[in-house]
Amino acid sequence: MGDCAILTAMRDSSRGPGQDRGLRSLSERVVTGVLPTDPPPSVLDLELLLSVETGPTPRRWVEASARTLEAILIARCHLDDVESALQLVDTHFAEGRLRVPGSLHPATRSTLLAAASEVYSAAGQPRRAGLYAASAVAHAATAPTRYRAHAVRALAYALNGEYDAAGRAIERCHELMIEAGWSRVYRDYALILAEVLYASAVLDAPALARLSEELQATAPADPFWQYTARAADAMRALITRDYMSGLALLTTLVGGADALKSHTMVRGFTLGVLADTLLARGEVRRALAVIEGAETPREHALCYGMQRAAAYLALGRDRSALNATDECIATGADHCVRTLVPVLVRRSIAFLRLSNPAAAFASFEEAFGLRVGLGESLAPFIALPCEPLDQLLTMLVERRPDVADAVAAVRTGLAAVPTRVVAATLPALSPREERLALRLRGSSSLPQIAADLQVSLNTVKSQLRSIYAKLEVSGREDAVAVLESQGFFV
């Protein structure tokens, strides 16, 4: 079939052989651009490949068609066209391999599989990313392709919270760099992102500063790299409790004109950092507001139920924290391990406050065991109240003396973990009472509020009496004043 179907489908009647050679040259620049021996591919080259349409799966893969497919996958992944990249992977791959045979050099097969792995990571599916990364490692036949394969493997591990394994993959990339003796190394974006996730997990602010500088210097003209650099800076600001600078940066990352010049997973990570920063400042309702409507990906590599649970705990709404994470528990083994650990920690706090110590201990013991087995992350404890955490750690040592050293290390590390800084708290309001309380400020009459909430006026009056009793006030104006003083309307 000549160059096979995938290249034939890229050719229209007006294109000649010279233009086909141009496509091959473009593809080659992009494919080599993700290897450590070449500068990253230019945004222009990537955007040119976005307009290329592929055809059906060829009868047999050859070098040219495989390289072109790889380049298209890289372009769609790096420019955040993840859905179409996933469609391509689903069309041409199955269970870590190509659907049809091909006459490919092992190095070509390895980098093609690495591109598929990076697509799955970008889609928030670390387990499938790991499957293709392992295949890429198995086929890698040269030092640059081994480096690339271990880089995407590091990202899959880090995204899934397997930090010890991610650290080993990162270290293997450094070893390959030294062994090869390259005069200059252009680091893989996937590898740097893996290191950002790793540094965030262990709250390593100096490492995040270094990685931000590296992202900025490696691809200064690429807005996607620059966005990730600023996301690393925002996480560093949270760790160092520089909330003012962090919020200024996060506001532009989430809502700025260049916000969409970024990768979906990094945007989601940034949104989570914004919520955690607001929680650490005590602005709980703003934290809930910024993640309102945010959708959790299938494998929960981004888990907004986890984020909401932290806010509900700060509000004293412990049952709401459990409700927010029930879906996570129902996901079972499909849930991303990285976000499962903080989900379990949050549930253990809720159970403890609801006078269910057995459930609290079971949830916390599981979370702690996962944390010890996968890597010593402190991220699950960010922006959570200290007192119940301390009770749970004490309970764990009493029942499991074998983890006393690990618990002591956590206690030491907790000194660096941002915690909620609100000095006083409101009495717990039920969800329905909160809905009503949020409407007390303003000029709406009680009948208007009842109509807005689609309840009877008598229901509103009954809930209002309960709110007044909890706030220890006798009227609406005084209730609003107390709520305002505690940041309720923020």
Protein backbone atom coordinates (compact mmCIF):
# COMPACT_ATOMS: atom_id res chain seq x y z
CA MET A 1 0.00 0.00 0.00
CA GLY A 2 2.97 2.33 -0.43
CA ASP A 3 3.27 4.43 2.71
CA CYS A 4 0.00 2.80 3.91
CA ALA A 5 -3.43 4.15 4.66
CA ILE A 6 -2.60 6.67 7.33
CA LEU A 7 -0.38 8.69 4.99
CA THR A 8 -2.74 8.22 2.05
CA ALA A 9 -5.54 9.70 4.11
CA MET A 10 -3.41 12.76 4.82
CA ARG A 11 -3.04 13.51 1.11
CA ASP A 12 -5.62 15.39 -0.96
CA SER A 13 -5.73 15.72 -4.75
CA SER A 14 -3.78 19.00 -4.74
CA ARG A 15 -0.81 17.67 -2.81
CA GLY A 16 2.28 16.35 -4.50
CA PRO A 17 5.22 14.23 -3.34
CA GLY A 18 7.09 17.31 -2.14
CA GLN A 19 4.30 18.20 0.25
CA ASP A 20 4.23 14.63 1.55
CA ARG A 21 7.95 14.90 2.23
CA GLY A 22 7.16 18.14 4.05
CA LEU A 23 4.71 16.30 6.27
CA ARG A 24 7.26 13.63 6.99
CA SER A 25 9.85 16.27 7.83
CA LEU A 26 7.38 18.03 10.11
CA SER A 27 6.52 14.75 11.84
CA GLU A 28 10.19 13.91 12.28
CA ARG A 29 10.88 17.26 13.95
CA VAL A 30 8.07 16.72 16.43
CA VAL A 31 8.97 13.08 17.15
CA THR A 32 12.64 13.86 17.78
CA GLY A 33 11.65 16.99 19.70
CA VAL A 34 10.39 14.95 22.67
CA LEU A 35 13.70 13.12 22.97
CA PRO A 36 16.38 14.45 25.33
CA THR A 37 18.85 15.18 22.55
CA ASP A 38 16.69 17.76 20.71
CA PRO A 39 14.89 20.97 21.70
CA PRO A 40 11.15 20.61 22.37
CA PRO A 41 8.91 20.83 19.29
CA SER A 42 7.76 24.31 18.41
CA VAL A 43 4.17 25.35 18.98
CA LEU A 44 3.89 26.17 15.29
CA ASP A 45 4.88 22.63 14.26
CA LEU A 46 2.43 21.18 16.75
CA GLU A 47 -0.40 23.41 15.55
CA LEU A 48 0.28 22.46 11.94
CA LEU A 49 -0.15 18.81 12.86
CA LEU A 50 -3.49 19.51 14.55
CA SER A 51 -5.03 20.13 11.13
CA VAL A 52 -3.85 16.78 9.77
CA GLU A 53 -6.56 14.15 9.55
CA THR A 54 -5.72 10.47 9.80
CA GLY A 55 -7.29 7.62 7.94
CA PRO A 56 -8.23 4.10 9.00
CA THR A 57 -5.81 1.67 10.54
CA PRO A 58 -3.37 0.52 7.82
CA ARG A 59 -2.93 -3.11 6.82
CA ARG A 60 0.63 -2.97 8.08
CA TRP A 61 2.58 -0.26 9.88
CA VAL A 62 5.83 1.03 8.40
CA GLU A 63 8.31 3.55 9.77
CA ALA A 64 6.89 6.61 8.00
CA SER A 65 3.27 6.00 8.98
CA ALA A 66 4.18 5.15 12.59
CA ARG A 67 6.28 8.30 12.95
CA THR A 68 3.45 10.42 11.55
CA LEU A 69 0.91 8.87 13.91
CA GLU A 70 3.27 9.47 16.83
CA ALA A 71 3.74 13.11 15.84
CA ILE A 72 -0.02 13.65 15.64
CA LEU A 73 -0.52 12.07 19.06
CA ILE A 74 2.19 14.28 20.53
CA ALA A 75 0.67 17.39 18.95
CA ARG A 76 -2.85 16.66 20.16
CA CYS A 77 -1.65 15.75 23.63
CA HIS A 78 0.68 18.73 24.04
CA LEU A 79 -1.92 21.19 22.75
CA ASP A 80 -4.62 19.68 25.00
CA ASP A 81 -6.74 18.15 22.25
CA VAL A 82 -6.95 15.10 24.48
CA GLU A 83 -10.32 13.71 23.38
CA SER A 84 -9.26 13.36 19.75
CA ALA A 85 -5.91 11.94 20.85
CA LEU A 86 -7.75 9.30 22.88
CA GLN A 87 -9.88 8.45 19.87
CA LEU A 88 -6.73 7.90 17.82
CA VAL A 89 -5.23 5.67 20.49
CA ASP A 90 -8.44 3.65 20.78
CA THR A 91 -8.50 3.25 17.00
CA HIS A 92 -4.94 2.05 16.55
CA PHE A 93 -3.98 0.41 19.87
CA ALA A 94 -5.30 -2.25 22.20
CA GLU A 95 -3.93 -3.51 25.53
CA GLY A 96 -0.51 -1.93 25.21
CA ARG A 97 0.20 -2.76 21.59
CA LEU A 98 -0.75 -1.86 18.02
CA ARG A 99 -3.89 -3.53 16.72
CA VAL A 100 -2.25 -4.59 13.45
CA PRO A 101 1.32 -5.79 12.86
CA GLY A 102 4.08 -3.57 11.53
CA SER A 103 7.65 -3.61 10.27
CA LEU A 104 9.00 -1.16 12.83
CA HIS A 105 12.37 -0.61 14.44
CA PRO A 106 12.10 -1.29 18.20
CA ALA A 107 13.01 2.34 18.93
CA THR A 108 10.14 3.56 16.72
CA ARG A 109 7.71 1.20 18.37
CA SER A 110 8.91 2.35 21.80
CA THR A 111 8.42 6.07 21.17
CA LEU A 112 5.02 5.44 19.57
CA LEU A 113 3.91 3.53 22.68
CA ALA A 114 5.36 6.31 24.85
CA ALA A 115 3.19 8.83 23.01
CA ALA A 116 0.11 6.68 23.70
CA SER A 117 1.10 6.52 27.37
CA GLU A 118 1.35 10.29 27.58
CA VAL A 119 -2.11 10.63 26.05
CA TYR A 120 -3.59 8.44 28.76
CA SER A 121 -1.82 10.44 31.46
CA ALA A 122 -3.18 13.65 29.95
CA ALA A 123 -6.66 12.09 30.10
CA GLY A 124 -6.25 11.25 33.79
CA GLN A 125 -5.98 7.48 33.26
CA PRO A 126 -2.69 6.56 34.96
CA ARG A 127 -3.17 2.80 34.92
CA ARG A 128 -3.55 2.62 31.15
CA ALA A 129 -0.72 5.12 30.87
CA GLY A 130 1.40 2.74 32.93
CA LEU A 131 0.51 -0.18 30.67
CA TYR A 132 1.77 1.61 27.56
CA ALA A 133 4.79 3.05 29.38
CA ALA A 134 5.86 -0.46 30.41
CA SER A 135 5.60 -1.56 26.77
CA ALA A 136 7.62 1.48 25.70
CA VAL A 137 10.36 0.55 28.18
CA ALA A 138 10.40 -3.04 26.91
CA HIS A 139 10.91 -1.96 23.28
CA ALA A 140 13.33 0.92 23.87
CA ALA A 141 16.53 0.18 21.98
CA THR A 142 18.57 3.38 22.33
CA ALA A 143 19.50 5.68 25.20
CA PRO A 144 17.19 8.53 24.03
CA THR A 145 14.20 6.18 23.63
CA ARG A 146 14.90 4.58 27.02
CA TYR A 147 14.94 8.07 28.53
CA ARG A 148 11.62 8.92 26.88
CA ALA A 149 10.04 5.63 27.99
CA HIS A 150 11.09 6.04 31.62
CA ALA A 151 9.92 9.67 31.54
CA VAL A 152 6.34 8.77 30.60
CA ARG A 153 6.48 5.90 33.08
CA ALA A 154 7.49 8.34 35.83
CA LEU A 155 4.48 10.50 34.96
CA ALA A 156 2.08 7.55 35.10
CA TYR A 157 3.44 6.52 38.50
CA ALA A 158 3.37 10.06 39.91
CA LEU A 159 -0.14 10.72 38.63
CA ASN A 160 -1.31 7.56 40.38
CA GLY A 161 0.45 8.42 43.64
CA GLU A 162 3.07 5.67 43.37
CA TYR A 163 5.80 8.05 44.44
CA ASP A 164 8.53 5.54 45.26
CA ALA A 165 8.16 3.97 41.81
CA ALA A 166 8.02 7.44 40.22
CA GLY A 167 11.23 8.36 42.04
CA ARG A 168 12.97 5.29 40.66
CA ALA A 169 11.84 6.09 37.11
CA ILE A 170 13.04 9.69 37.50
CA GLU A 171 16.36 8.47 38.82
CA ARG A 172 16.70 6.08 35.85
CA CYS A 173 16.36 9.05 33.51
CA HIS A 174 19.17 10.83 35.34
CA GLU A 175 21.33 7.70 35.14
CA LEU A 176 20.73 7.42 31.38
CA MET A 177 21.72 11.06 30.96
CA ILE A 178 25.03 10.45 32.76
CA GLU A 179 25.70 7.14 31.01
CA ALA A 180 25.08 8.62 27.56
CA GLY A 181 27.27 11.65 28.22
CA TRP A 182 25.03 14.00 26.26
CA SER A 183 26.52 17.47 26.04
CA ARG A 184 23.11 18.98 26.60
CA VAL A 185 19.86 17.44 27.75
CA TYR A 186 16.45 18.81 26.80
CA ARG A 187 14.26 17.36 29.48
CA ASP A 188 10.96 15.71 28.63
CA TYR A 189 7.83 17.63 29.65
CA ALA A 190 6.36 14.41 31.03
CA LEU A 191 9.40 13.92 33.24
CA ILE A 192 9.32 17.46 34.63
CA LEU A 193 5.59 17.18 35.30
CA ALA A 194 6.23 13.92 37.16
CA GLU A 195 8.79 15.73 39.29
CA VAL A 196 6.32 18.58 39.95
CA LEU A 197 3.75 16.07 41.20
CA TYR A 198 6.38 14.33 43.31
CA ALA A 199 7.65 17.59 44.84
CA SER A 200 4.06 18.68 45.55
CA ALA A 201 3.36 15.40 47.32
CA VAL A 202 6.33 15.73 49.68
CA LEU A 203 5.89 19.53 50.02
CA ASP A 204 9.34 20.27 48.63
CA ALA A 205 9.18 24.02 47.93
CA PRO A 206 12.83 24.39 46.74
CA ALA A 207 12.33 21.60 44.20
CA LEU A 208 9.19 23.29 42.86
CA ALA A 209 11.11 26.55 42.44
CA ARG A 210 13.84 24.74 40.50
CA LEU A 211 11.35 22.90 38.30
CA SER A 212 9.50 26.13 37.54
CA GLU A 213 12.73 27.74 36.38
CA GLU A 214 13.52 24.70 34.25
CA LEU A 215 10.12 24.73 32.58
CA GLN A 216 10.47 28.43 31.78
CA ALA A 217 13.98 28.06 30.40
CA THR A 218 13.43 24.90 28.34
CA ALA A 219 10.48 26.14 26.28
CA PRO A 220 10.18 29.92 26.77
CA ALA A 221 7.87 30.36 23.77
CA ASP A 222 5.49 27.54 24.68
CA PRO A 223 2.50 28.78 26.76
CA PHE A 224 1.70 25.25 27.92
CA TRP A 225 5.13 24.85 29.51
CA GLN A 226 4.91 28.35 30.97
CA TYR A 227 1.49 27.65 32.52
CA THR A 228 2.86 24.53 34.20
CA ALA A 229 5.78 26.57 35.56
CA ARG A 230 3.37 29.03 37.14
CA ALA A 231 1.27 26.17 38.54
CA ALA A 232 4.41 24.88 40.26
CA ASP A 233 4.98 28.38 41.67
CA ALA A 234 1.40 28.42 43.00
CA MET A 235 1.91 25.11 44.78
CA ARG A 236 5.16 26.43 46.25
CA ALA A 237 3.31 29.50 47.55
CA LEU A 238 0.78 27.25 49.28
CA ILE A 239 3.52 25.17 50.90
CA THR A 240 5.38 28.26 52.13
CA ARG A 241 2.09 29.86 53.24
CA ASP A 242 2.62 32.84 50.95
CA TYR A 243 -1.12 33.00 50.41
CA MET A 244 -1.26 36.55 49.04
CA SER A 245 1.16 35.86 46.19
CA GLY A 246 -0.35 32.44 45.63
CA LEU A 247 -3.90 33.73 45.24
CA ALA A 248 -2.81 36.50 42.87
CA LEU A 249 -1.07 33.91 40.70
CA LEU A 250 -3.87 31.34 40.94
CA THR A 251 -6.53 33.87 39.97
CA THR A 252 -4.81 34.50 36.63
CA LEU A 253 -4.07 30.81 36.10
CA VAL A 254 -7.70 29.82 36.59
CA GLY A 255 -9.47 32.84 35.10
CA GLY A 256 -6.90 34.71 33.01
CA ALA A 257 -6.95 35.20 29.25
CA ASP A 258 -4.30 32.49 28.80
CA ALA A 259 -5.96 29.99 31.14
CA LEU A 260 -6.89 27.64 28.28
CA LYS A 261 -3.32 27.58 26.97
CA SER A 262 -2.65 24.77 29.38
CA HIS A 263 -3.15 21.06 29.85
CA THR A 264 -6.42 19.77 31.30
CA MET A 265 -4.78 17.83 34.12
CA VAL A 266 -2.57 20.78 35.07
CA ARG A 267 -5.58 23.11 35.05
CA GLY A 268 -7.38 20.71 37.34
CA PHE A 269 -4.36 20.48 39.61
CA THR A 270 -4.24 24.29 39.72
CA LEU A 271 -7.93 24.51 40.58
CA GLY A 272 -7.29 22.13 43.46
CA VAL A 273 -4.39 24.26 44.68
CA LEU A 274 -6.66 27.31 44.59
CA ALA A 275 -9.26 25.50 46.70
CA ASP A 276 -6.59 24.37 49.17
CA THR A 277 -5.15 27.88 49.40
CA LEU A 278 -8.57 29.34 50.16
CA LEU A 279 -9.15 26.65 52.77
CA ALA A 280 -5.80 27.41 54.37
CA ARG A 281 -6.87 31.08 54.62
CA GLY A 282 -10.20 30.06 56.14
CA GLU A 283 -12.25 31.12 53.09
CA VAL A 284 -14.20 27.91 53.01
CA ARG A 285 -17.19 29.02 50.96
CA ARG A 286 -14.97 30.53 48.31
CA ALA A 287 -13.14 27.22 48.17
CA LEU A 288 -16.43 25.45 47.52
CA ALA A 289 -17.44 28.07 44.98
CA VAL A 290 -14.32 27.70 42.82
CA ILE A 291 -14.84 23.94 42.42
CA GLU A 292 -18.61 24.13 41.96
CA GLY A 293 -19.48 22.33 38.76
CA ALA A 294 -15.99 20.86 38.34
CA GLU A 295 -16.27 17.34 36.97
CA THR A 296 -14.14 14.52 38.31
CA PRO A 297 -12.48 12.39 35.58
CA ARG A 298 -13.34 8.71 35.38
CA GLU A 299 -10.40 7.37 37.38
CA HIS A 300 -10.42 10.31 39.83
CA ALA A 301 -6.87 11.44 39.02
CA LEU A 302 -8.48 14.78 39.82
CA CYS A 303 -10.98 14.24 42.63
CA TYR A 304 -13.30 17.13 43.41
CA GLY A 305 -15.25 15.02 45.89
CA MET A 306 -12.05 14.94 47.92
CA GLN A 307 -11.76 18.74 47.63
CA ARG A 308 -15.37 19.32 48.65
CA ALA A 309 -14.99 16.96 51.62
CA ALA A 310 -12.14 19.09 53.01
CA ALA A 311 -14.34 22.19 52.80
CA TYR A 312 -17.27 20.45 54.46
CA LEU A 313 -15.02 19.33 57.30
CA ALA A 314 -13.96 22.93 57.78
CA LEU A 315 -17.63 23.90 57.99
CA GLY A 316 -18.36 21.15 60.49
CA ARG A 317 -20.59 19.36 57.97
CA ASP A 318 -19.18 15.91 58.57
CA ARG A 319 -22.02 13.95 56.99
CA SER A 320 -21.71 16.10 53.88
CA ALA A 321 -18.00 15.19 53.77
CA LEU A 322 -18.96 11.52 53.74
CA ASN A 323 -21.64 12.09 51.11
CA ALA A 324 -19.14 13.94 48.91
CA THR A 325 -16.79 10.95 48.94
CA ASP A 326 -19.29 8.07 48.82
CA GLU A 327 -18.89 7.96 45.03
CA CYS A 328 -15.12 7.62 45.50
CA ILE A 329 -15.58 4.58 47.71
CA ALA A 330 -18.10 3.10 45.26
CA THR A 331 -15.48 3.43 42.49
CA GLY A 332 -13.51 0.67 44.19
CA ALA A 333 -10.25 -0.43 42.59
CA ASP A 334 -10.76 1.99 39.68
CA HIS A 335 -10.05 5.01 41.92
CA CYS A 336 -6.68 6.71 41.45
CA VAL A 337 -4.50 5.84 44.46
CA ARG A 338 -3.02 9.35 44.68
CA THR A 339 -6.41 10.89 45.50
CA LEU A 340 -7.77 7.85 47.35
CA VAL A 341 -5.41 8.41 50.29
CA PRO A 342 -6.71 11.94 51.08
CA VAL A 343 -10.28 10.73 50.52
CA LEU A 344 -9.78 8.11 53.23
CA VAL A 345 -8.15 10.64 55.57
CA ARG A 346 -11.09 13.02 55.16
CA ARG A 347 -13.59 10.23 55.78
CA SER A 348 -11.72 9.16 58.91
CA ILE A 349 -12.00 12.70 60.33
CA ALA A 350 -15.73 12.77 59.57
CA PHE A 351 -16.27 9.35 61.21
CA LEU A 352 -14.32 10.44 64.28
CA ARG A 353 -16.41 13.57 64.70
CA LEU A 354 -19.59 11.56 64.22
CA SER A 355 -18.60 9.32 67.16
CA ASN A 356 -17.76 6.29 65.03
CA PRO A 357 -14.17 5.54 66.11
CA ALA A 358 -14.16 2.05 64.59
CA ALA A 359 -14.92 3.38 61.10
CA ALA A 360 -12.51 6.28 61.67
CA PHE A 361 -9.67 3.94 62.57
CA ALA A 362 -10.37 1.55 59.69
CA SER A 363 -10.36 4.38 57.15
CA PHE A 364 -7.26 6.05 58.61
CA GLU A 365 -5.33 2.79 58.92
CA GLU A 366 -6.00 2.03 55.26
CA ALA A 367 -4.97 5.53 54.20
CA PHE A 368 -1.78 5.41 56.26
CA GLY A 369 -0.89 1.97 54.97
CA LEU A 370 -1.28 3.11 51.37
CA ARG A 371 0.80 6.20 52.07
CA VAL A 372 3.64 4.18 53.62
CA GLY A 373 3.56 1.60 50.84
CA LEU A 374 3.53 4.04 47.93
CA GLY A 375 5.62 6.97 49.15
CA GLU A 376 5.85 9.35 52.06
CA SER A 377 3.43 12.00 50.83
CA LEU A 378 2.25 14.75 53.16
CA ALA A 379 -0.23 16.19 50.65
CA PRO A 380 -3.24 14.27 52.08
CA PHE A 381 -3.00 16.40 55.24
CA ILE A 382 -3.01 19.82 53.54
CA ALA A 383 -5.66 22.28 54.74
CA LEU A 384 -7.21 19.92 57.26
CA PRO A 385 -7.91 20.62 60.95
CA CYS A 386 -5.01 19.52 63.14
CA GLU A 387 -6.85 18.28 66.24
CA PRO A 388 -8.66 15.29 64.73
CA LEU A 389 -5.55 14.40 62.71
CA ASP A 390 -3.56 14.30 65.92
CA GLN A 391 -6.21 12.10 67.55
CA LEU A 392 -6.13 9.70 64.62
CA LEU A 393 -2.33 9.50 64.65
CA THR A 394 -2.39 8.78 68.38
CA MET A 395 -5.04 6.12 67.88
CA LEU A 396 -2.95 4.53 65.13
CA VAL A 397 0.17 4.29 67.30
CA GLU A 398 -1.80 2.81 70.20
CA ARG A 399 -3.23 0.06 68.00
CA ARG A 400 -0.32 -0.35 65.60
CA PRO A 401 2.97 0.21 67.47
CA ASP A 402 4.86 -1.07 64.42
CA VAL A 403 4.14 2.22 62.60
CA ALA A 404 5.27 4.47 65.45
CA ASP A 405 8.36 5.67 63.56
CA ALA A 406 6.33 6.47 60.45
CA VAL A 407 3.79 8.36 62.56
CA ALA A 408 6.58 10.32 64.27
CA ALA A 409 7.89 11.33 60.84
CA VAL A 410 4.42 12.54 59.88
CA ARG A 411 4.11 14.59 63.05
CA THR A 412 7.43 16.24 62.25
CA GLY A 413 6.36 16.93 58.68
CA LEU A 414 3.00 18.36 59.73
CA ALA A 415 4.79 21.47 60.99
CA ALA A 416 5.24 22.42 57.33
CA VAL A 417 1.71 21.56 56.24
CA PRO A 418 -0.66 24.52 55.71
CA THR A 419 -3.64 24.21 58.03
CA ARG A 420 -6.86 26.13 58.31
CA VAL A 421 -6.20 29.40 60.13
CA VAL A 422 -9.71 30.39 61.24
CA ALA A 423 -9.67 31.21 64.95
CA ALA A 424 -13.42 30.81 65.52
CA THR A 425 -16.10 28.71 63.89
CA LEU A 426 -19.81 28.98 63.45
CA PRO A 427 -22.18 26.46 64.97
CA ALA A 428 -23.04 23.74 62.51
CA LEU A 429 -25.98 24.59 60.28
CA SER A 430 -27.85 21.94 58.34
CA PRO A 431 -27.58 22.15 54.52
CA ARG A 432 -31.13 23.55 54.33
CA GLU A 433 -30.36 26.11 57.02
CA GLU A 434 -27.25 27.14 55.11
CA ARG A 435 -29.28 27.68 51.94
CA LEU A 436 -31.61 29.95 53.89
CA ALA A 437 -28.80 31.75 55.77
CA LEU A 438 -27.09 32.63 52.49
CA ARG A 439 -30.23 34.57 51.48
CA LEU A 440 -30.60 36.55 54.69
CA ARG A 441 -28.26 39.28 53.54
CA GLY A 442 -30.09 41.48 51.11
CA SER A 443 -33.55 42.95 50.73
CA SER A 444 -35.52 39.81 49.82
CA SER A 445 -38.57 39.29 52.00
CA LEU A 446 -39.25 35.97 53.67
CA PRO A 447 -42.05 35.13 51.17
CA GLN A 448 -39.63 35.89 48.31
CA ILE A 449 -36.97 33.68 49.91
CA ALA A 450 -39.54 30.90 50.35
CA ALA A 451 -40.42 31.15 46.66
CA ASP A 452 -36.74 31.08 45.65
CA LEU A 453 -36.12 27.99 47.78
CA GLN A 454 -39.38 26.38 46.64
CA VAL A 455 -40.56 25.77 50.20
CA SER A 456 -43.44 27.10 52.26
CA LEU A 457 -43.24 30.29 54.28
CA ASN A 458 -43.82 28.27 57.46
CA THR A 459 -40.79 26.12 56.61
CA VAL A 460 -38.66 29.23 56.20
CA LYS A 461 -39.85 30.62 59.53
CA SER A 462 -39.16 27.32 61.29
CA GLN A 463 -35.64 27.09 59.86
CA LEU A 464 -35.06 30.73 60.72
CA ARG A 465 -35.92 30.14 64.38
CA SER A 466 -33.41 27.27 64.42
CA ILE A 467 -30.70 29.49 62.89
CA TYR A 468 -31.35 32.26 65.43
CA ALA A 469 -31.11 29.78 68.29
CA LYS A 470 -27.81 28.37 67.04
CA LEU A 471 -26.33 31.85 66.51
CA GLU A 472 -27.77 33.06 69.83
CA VAL A 473 -29.45 36.09 68.22
CA SER A 474 -33.02 37.33 68.13
CA GLY A 475 -33.38 38.83 64.68
CA ARG A 476 -32.32 38.81 61.05
CA GLU A 477 -30.01 41.82 61.25
CA ASP A 478 -28.07 40.37 64.18
CA ALA A 479 -27.87 36.98 62.45
CA VAL A 480 -26.37 38.59 59.33
CA ALA A 481 -23.83 40.45 61.46
CA VAL A 482 -22.67 37.25 63.16
CA LEU A 483 -22.48 35.37 59.88
CA GLU A 484 -20.50 38.21 58.25
CA SER A 485 -18.04 38.33 61.15
CA GLN A 486 -17.25 34.64 60.59
CA GLY A 487 -16.80 34.93 56.82
CA PHE A 488 -19.96 32.95 56.05
CA PHE A 489 -20.84 34.96 52.95
CA VAL A 490 -17.34 34.84 51.44
